[in-house]
Amino acid sequence: MGDPPLGDRELPESGGPSSAPGERRLRLGVVILPELPWSAARDVWRRAEELGCDHAWTYDHLAWRSLRDSAWYGAVPTLAAAATATERLRIGFLVASPNFRHPVPFARDLLALDDVSRGRIDLGIGAGGYGWDATVLGGTAPTDRERADRFTELVELLDVLLREREVSYRGRYFTAEEARSHPGCVQQPRIPFAIAATKPRGMRLAARFGQTWVTTGERSVESPLPAREGARVVRAQNERLDEICARLGRDPATLRRLVVTGPSLDGGPASVDRFHETAGRYAEAGATDLVLHWPRREPPFAADLATFERIVTSVPRRSARYS
């Protein structure tokens, strides 16, 4: 399947306009792990909206790292429930992967989520991790080349499934035979994609198909990088992405830049002052959106909830300026 012309790909901006020239506006989001029973998780999602978060996400894994043997719930029903529990908050996957997602049934889930949320769903997509998610369905973990190939097919096929009503597609990993996608997305022409990538091939996917590019920094680090070092990493990645956009004819300013803190980047959750210093550095590095994790009592992502709430409420909605 060939690349569709970029000029024909007018898509939603994933929740709002870009900043005006000379102004750095940083939107704030939160990751809420799908680990609590809904009777408790409902209040967390509602609280994220009450505090004024611009967007909230959940992990799309079958299990995650040190929490593999802990309580863990599915991302699709979690987001469906979150959509009914909130009114304004944009919600999404951070991120879905080809490790266990097939585009055809997944597209049906996404159509339903877009309908239930009344057009507030964002689809984060990544190449998939190297851990248990990659082998739980049997077989050996994919090579880097195989991960990149499956990632490409997942994004390409989801793009057409969510835009067109009947799709046939033959790839090496995914196939669709006259797959139907009625009634289509609430957000036209499809749900916005937030594509996670740090390598050139993935960045090309973000430039071709994404409304948002997602980075978690460098995956090779053993502990989260402090803001100064992390911002240098993100700035270098942003510069590479700008070059790729230019080569593909995509205006870099039309692609939002979302930085996920926590696993590899310190988000500064210890105090309001430290957070604002951190946010300023990432804004200067080109970020349009910054994501923290909802505080847990124990690692990973252990933090004080009261401090987190003060941080969120200290950020003026839609107009936080860092320069």
Protein backbone atom coordinates (compact mmCIF):
# COMPACT_ATOMS: atom_id res chain seq x y z
CA MET A 1 0.00 0.00 0.00
CA GLY A 2 1.54 3.31 -1.08
CA ASP A 3 1.86 6.45 1.00
CA PRO A 4 -1.25 8.64 0.73
CA PRO A 5 -0.51 12.24 -0.22
CA LEU A 6 0.03 14.33 2.90
CA GLY A 7 -2.13 17.09 1.46
CA ASP A 8 -5.10 14.69 1.42
CA ARG A 9 -4.72 13.76 5.07
CA GLU A 10 -6.57 16.53 6.90
CA LEU A 11 -7.18 15.05 10.32
CA PRO A 12 -8.21 16.16 13.81
CA GLU A 13 -5.45 17.83 15.80
CA SER A 14 -5.82 15.58 18.87
CA GLY A 15 -7.57 17.99 21.12
CA GLY A 16 -6.75 21.58 20.29
CA PRO A 17 -4.80 24.11 18.27
CA SER A 18 -1.07 24.59 18.34
CA SER A 19 0.51 27.56 20.06
CA ALA A 20 0.70 30.93 18.38
CA PRO A 21 4.15 31.99 17.14
CA GLY A 22 6.37 33.09 20.00
CA GLU A 23 4.20 31.44 22.66
CA ARG A 24 4.97 28.14 24.36
CA ARG A 25 1.82 26.46 25.60
CA LEU A 26 2.17 23.17 27.40
CA ARG A 27 -0.81 20.93 27.91
CA LEU A 28 -0.73 18.55 30.87
CA GLY A 29 -1.82 14.93 30.83
CA VAL A 30 -1.77 11.96 33.18
CA VAL A 31 -1.35 8.20 32.85
CA ILE A 32 -3.73 6.20 35.04
CA LEU A 33 -2.59 2.60 35.26
CA PRO A 34 -5.44 0.08 34.72
CA GLU A 35 -4.81 -1.60 38.07
CA LEU A 36 -7.73 -0.57 40.27
CA PRO A 37 -11.21 -2.11 40.26
CA TRP A 38 -13.58 0.25 38.51
CA SER A 39 -15.36 1.13 41.75
CA ALA A 40 -12.12 2.88 42.77
CA ALA A 41 -10.73 3.80 39.33
CA ARG A 42 -13.86 5.77 38.41
CA ASP A 43 -13.06 8.36 41.07
CA VAL A 44 -9.49 8.71 39.81
CA TRP A 45 -10.57 9.44 36.23
CA ARG A 46 -13.20 11.90 37.45
CA ARG A 47 -10.66 13.58 39.69
CA ALA A 48 -8.25 13.98 36.76
CA GLU A 49 -10.98 15.88 34.93
CA GLU A 50 -11.91 17.94 37.99
CA LEU A 51 -8.28 18.99 38.46
CA GLY A 52 -8.16 20.27 34.89
CA CYS A 53 -5.93 17.71 33.15
CA ASP A 54 -6.11 18.18 29.39
CA HIS A 55 -5.88 14.47 28.65
CA ALA A 56 -5.65 11.14 30.48
CA TRP A 57 -4.25 7.85 29.22
CA THR A 58 -3.91 4.25 30.24
CA TYR A 59 -1.34 1.61 29.37
CA ASP A 60 -2.35 -0.98 26.78
CA HIS A 61 -0.43 -4.00 28.03
CA LEU A 62 -1.42 -7.48 29.12
CA ALA A 63 0.86 -6.86 32.10
CA TRP A 64 3.64 -4.38 32.81
CA ARG A 65 7.15 -4.99 34.14
CA SER A 66 7.24 -5.28 37.93
CA LEU A 67 3.42 -5.28 38.08
CA ARG A 68 3.09 -8.46 36.01
CA ASP A 69 1.66 -10.44 38.94
CA SER A 70 -0.49 -7.60 40.28
CA ALA A 71 -4.08 -6.62 39.47
CA TRP A 72 -4.38 -5.38 35.87
CA TYR A 73 -7.42 -4.66 33.70
CA GLY A 74 -7.97 -4.34 29.95
CA ALA A 75 -7.48 -0.95 28.30
CA VAL A 76 -10.56 -1.04 26.04
CA PRO A 77 -13.19 -1.57 28.77
CA THR A 78 -11.29 0.79 31.07
CA LEU A 79 -11.43 3.58 28.49
CA ALA A 80 -15.09 2.85 27.71
CA ALA A 81 -15.91 3.22 31.40
CA ALA A 82 -13.75 6.36 31.67
CA ALA A 83 -15.62 7.86 28.72
CA THR A 84 -18.94 7.50 30.53
CA ALA A 85 -17.50 8.84 33.81
CA THR A 86 -16.09 12.06 32.29
CA GLU A 87 -17.39 14.88 30.10
CA ARG A 88 -14.48 17.00 28.82
CA LEU A 89 -11.31 14.99 29.32
CA ARG A 90 -9.64 13.53 26.25
CA ILE A 91 -8.75 9.90 26.86
CA GLY A 92 -6.55 7.39 25.10
CA PHE A 93 -4.18 4.44 24.82
CA LEU A 94 -0.54 4.98 25.69
CA VAL A 95 0.22 2.95 23.69
CA ALA A 96 -1.40 0.14 21.70
CA SER A 97 1.02 -2.21 19.97
CA PRO A 98 1.12 -5.05 17.43
CA ASN A 99 2.31 -7.48 20.10
CA PHE A 100 -1.27 -8.58 20.67
CA ARG A 101 -3.51 -6.18 18.70
CA HIS A 102 -4.92 -7.10 15.29
CA PRO A 103 -6.09 -4.01 13.39
CA VAL A 104 -9.45 -5.40 12.20
CA PRO A 105 -11.10 -6.24 15.55
CA PHE A 106 -9.23 -3.39 17.23
CA ALA A 107 -10.73 -0.90 14.75
CA ARG A 108 -14.20 -2.01 15.84
CA ASP A 109 -13.28 -1.34 19.47
CA LEU A 110 -11.97 2.09 18.50
CA LEU A 111 -15.17 3.01 16.64
CA ALA A 112 -17.16 2.10 19.73
CA LEU A 113 -14.86 4.11 22.01
CA ASP A 114 -15.10 7.15 19.74
CA ASP A 115 -18.88 6.88 19.90
CA VAL A 116 -19.10 6.34 23.67
CA SER A 117 -16.69 9.23 24.35
CA ARG A 118 -18.49 11.50 21.86
CA GLY A 119 -15.26 12.09 19.96
CA ARG A 120 -12.78 12.36 22.86
CA ILE A 121 -10.59 9.31 22.16
CA ASP A 122 -6.96 9.45 21.01
CA LEU A 123 -5.08 6.40 19.80
CA GLY A 124 -1.50 6.13 20.99
CA ILE A 125 0.37 3.50 18.94
CA GLY A 126 3.85 2.06 19.40
CA ALA A 127 6.06 -0.74 18.11
CA GLY A 128 5.55 -2.89 21.20
CA GLY A 129 7.85 -3.81 24.04
CA TYR A 130 10.41 -6.58 24.33
CA GLY A 131 8.98 -8.18 27.46
CA TRP A 132 6.23 -10.58 28.32
CA ASP A 133 3.66 -8.90 26.03
CA ALA A 134 5.83 -9.91 23.08
CA THR A 135 5.80 -13.66 23.86
CA VAL A 136 2.62 -14.34 25.84
CA LEU A 137 0.74 -15.47 22.73
CA GLY A 138 3.48 -17.98 21.92
CA GLY A 139 6.62 -17.99 19.83
CA THR A 140 9.79 -16.00 20.21
CA ALA A 141 10.07 -12.26 20.68
CA PRO A 142 10.26 -10.40 17.34
CA THR A 143 13.51 -8.92 16.12
CA ASP A 144 13.89 -5.15 15.82
CA ARG A 145 13.21 -5.39 12.08
CA GLU A 146 10.09 -7.49 12.65
CA ARG A 147 8.84 -5.07 15.31
CA ALA A 148 9.28 -2.15 12.91
CA ASP A 149 7.56 -4.01 10.07
CA ARG A 150 4.57 -4.97 12.22
CA PHE A 151 4.37 -1.43 13.58
CA THR A 152 4.20 -0.04 10.05
CA GLU A 153 1.46 -2.46 9.03
CA LEU A 154 -0.55 -1.79 12.18
CA VAL A 155 -0.53 1.97 11.59
CA GLU A 156 -1.20 1.72 7.84
CA LEU A 157 -4.12 -0.67 8.21
CA LEU A 158 -5.72 1.14 11.15
CA ASP A 159 -5.50 4.38 9.18
CA VAL A 160 -7.58 3.05 6.30
CA LEU A 161 -9.92 0.96 8.48
CA LEU A 162 -10.89 4.06 10.46
CA ARG A 163 -11.32 6.27 7.36
CA GLU A 164 -12.96 3.92 4.86
CA ARG A 165 -16.05 1.74 5.06
CA GLU A 166 -14.66 -1.33 3.28
CA VAL A 167 -11.00 -2.34 3.32
CA SER A 168 -8.92 -5.18 1.91
CA TYR A 169 -5.23 -5.29 2.79
CA ARG A 170 -2.48 -7.88 2.52
CA GLY A 171 0.66 -7.43 4.53
CA ARG A 172 3.20 -9.85 5.93
CA TYR A 173 1.70 -9.75 9.41
CA PHE A 174 -1.85 -8.43 9.02
CA THR A 175 -4.57 -9.13 6.47
CA ALA A 176 -8.06 -7.75 5.95
CA GLU A 177 -10.64 -9.15 3.52
CA GLU A 178 -13.47 -6.72 2.82
CA ALA A 179 -13.40 -5.55 6.43
CA ARG A 180 -16.30 -3.23 7.23
CA SER A 181 -16.03 -0.11 9.38
CA HIS A 182 -19.58 1.22 9.54
CA PRO A 183 -20.66 3.75 10.77
CA GLY A 184 -17.22 5.37 10.82
CA CYS A 185 -15.64 7.63 13.42
CA VAL A 186 -17.28 10.51 15.23
CA GLN A 187 -14.02 12.42 14.70
CA GLN A 188 -13.64 12.84 10.98
CA PRO A 189 -12.01 11.56 8.95
CA ARG A 190 -10.73 9.36 11.81
CA ILE A 191 -9.57 9.20 15.43
CA PRO A 192 -6.29 11.12 15.94
CA PHE A 193 -3.11 9.04 16.17
CA ALA A 194 -0.37 9.69 18.74
CA ILE A 195 2.60 7.72 17.43
CA ALA A 196 5.42 6.77 19.77
CA ALA A 197 8.82 6.61 18.07
CA THR A 198 12.46 7.44 18.71
CA LYS A 199 14.02 5.85 15.62
CA PRO A 200 13.87 7.34 12.10
CA ARG A 201 11.52 4.73 10.68
CA GLY A 202 8.97 5.23 13.44
CA MET A 203 9.34 8.99 13.16
CA ARG A 204 8.48 8.72 9.49
CA LEU A 205 5.25 6.98 10.52
CA ALA A 206 4.54 9.83 12.94
CA ALA A 207 5.14 12.40 10.18
CA ARG A 208 2.94 10.51 7.71
CA PHE A 209 0.05 9.46 9.94
CA GLY A 210 0.27 11.19 13.31
CA GLN A 211 -1.43 14.18 14.83
CA THR A 212 0.89 13.79 17.84
CA TRP A 213 4.38 12.35 18.23
CA VAL A 214 5.13 10.59 21.54
CA THR A 215 8.48 10.10 23.25
CA THR A 216 9.49 8.58 26.57
CA GLY A 217 13.12 9.62 26.08
CA GLU A 218 15.81 6.97 25.76
CA ARG A 219 14.70 3.46 26.71
CA SER A 220 18.24 2.36 27.52
CA VAL A 221 18.61 4.43 30.70
CA GLU A 222 18.51 2.63 34.05
CA SER A 223 16.74 5.41 35.96
CA PRO A 224 14.75 8.50 34.92
CA LEU A 225 16.93 11.29 33.57
CA PRO A 226 16.74 14.64 35.40
CA ALA A 227 15.09 17.48 33.50
CA ARG A 228 18.26 19.09 32.11
CA GLU A 229 19.55 15.84 30.58
CA GLY A 230 16.11 14.63 29.56
CA ALA A 231 15.35 17.87 27.77
CA ARG A 232 18.58 17.53 25.76
CA VAL A 233 17.45 14.07 24.63
CA VAL A 234 14.00 15.33 23.67
CA ARG A 235 15.43 18.36 21.85
CA ALA A 236 17.66 16.13 19.73
CA GLN A 237 14.72 13.85 18.94
CA ASN A 238 12.56 16.83 18.03
CA GLU A 239 15.22 18.12 15.66
CA ARG A 240 15.41 14.72 13.93
CA LEU A 241 11.63 14.67 13.64
CA ASP A 242 11.61 18.17 12.13
CA GLU A 243 14.11 17.02 9.49
CA ILE A 244 11.99 13.99 8.65
CA CYS A 245 8.84 16.13 8.40
CA ALA A 246 10.65 18.50 6.03
CA ARG A 247 11.75 15.61 3.80
CA LEU A 248 8.18 14.27 3.65
CA GLY A 249 6.59 17.64 3.04
CA ARG A 250 4.88 17.80 6.45
CA ASP A 251 4.81 21.13 8.25
CA PRO A 252 6.50 20.28 11.60
CA ALA A 253 4.30 22.81 13.38
CA THR A 254 1.22 20.67 12.63
CA LEU A 255 2.56 17.75 14.71
CA ARG A 256 2.13 17.95 18.47
CA ARG A 257 5.04 16.72 20.63
CA LEU A 258 4.03 14.72 23.73
CA VAL A 259 6.67 13.86 26.35
CA VAL A 260 5.82 11.01 28.74
CA THR A 261 7.72 11.24 32.00
CA GLY A 262 8.16 8.45 34.51
CA PRO A 263 9.95 5.38 33.14
CA SER A 264 12.90 7.22 31.54
CA LEU A 265 12.36 10.93 32.24
CA ASP A 266 11.88 12.62 35.60
CA GLY A 267 8.72 14.71 35.52
CA GLY A 268 9.50 16.69 38.66
CA PRO A 269 6.56 15.44 40.76
CA ALA A 270 8.27 16.13 44.10
CA SER A 271 7.19 19.80 44.28
CA VAL A 272 5.36 22.48 42.35
CA ASP A 273 8.56 24.48 41.79
CA ARG A 274 10.47 21.48 40.54
CA PHE A 275 7.66 20.55 38.18
CA HIS A 276 7.52 24.03 36.65
CA GLU A 277 11.28 24.03 36.16
CA THR A 278 10.98 20.63 34.47
CA ALA A 279 8.03 21.72 32.33
CA GLY A 280 9.93 24.80 31.22
CA ARG A 281 12.89 22.76 30.06
CA TYR A 282 10.71 20.41 28.03
CA ALA A 283 8.75 23.27 26.51
CA GLU A 284 12.03 24.88 25.44
CA ALA A 285 13.01 21.51 23.92
CA GLY A 286 9.88 21.60 21.75
CA ALA A 287 7.27 19.74 23.79
CA THR A 288 3.63 20.78 23.40
CA ASP A 289 2.32 18.26 25.94
CA LEU A 290 3.76 16.79 29.13
CA VAL A 291 2.43 13.65 30.82
CA LEU A 292 2.86 12.57 34.45
CA HIS A 293 1.73 9.35 36.11
CA TRP A 294 -1.06 9.34 38.65
CA PRO A 295 0.71 8.84 42.00
CA ARG A 296 0.94 5.36 43.45
CA ARG A 297 1.65 4.51 47.06
CA GLU A 298 4.51 2.22 46.05
CA PRO A 299 7.00 2.15 43.15
CA PRO A 300 6.78 2.48 40.27
CA PHE A 301 5.54 6.08 40.12
CA ALA A 302 5.29 6.51 43.87
CA ALA A 303 4.50 10.15 44.72
CA ASP A 304 2.45 12.28 47.06
CA LEU A 305 -1.10 12.74 45.79
CA ALA A 306 -1.62 16.12 47.47
CA THR A 307 1.54 17.49 45.82
CA PHE A 308 0.46 16.07 42.46
CA GLU A 309 -2.90 17.81 42.76
CA ARG A 310 -1.20 21.11 43.60
CA ILE A 311 0.99 20.68 40.51
CA VAL A 312 -1.95 20.07 38.20
CA THR A 313 -4.00 22.97 39.54
CA SER A 314 -0.97 25.29 39.31
CA VAL A 315 -0.92 24.97 35.52
CA PRO A 316 -3.28 27.50 33.88
CA ARG A 317 -5.53 25.60 31.53
CA ARG A 318 -4.55 25.89 27.89
CA SER A 319 -2.24 28.80 28.56
CA ALA A 320 0.75 27.63 30.60
CA ARG A 321 3.68 29.65 29.24
CA TYR A 322 7.27 28.53 29.68
CA SER A 323 9.97 30.55 27.99
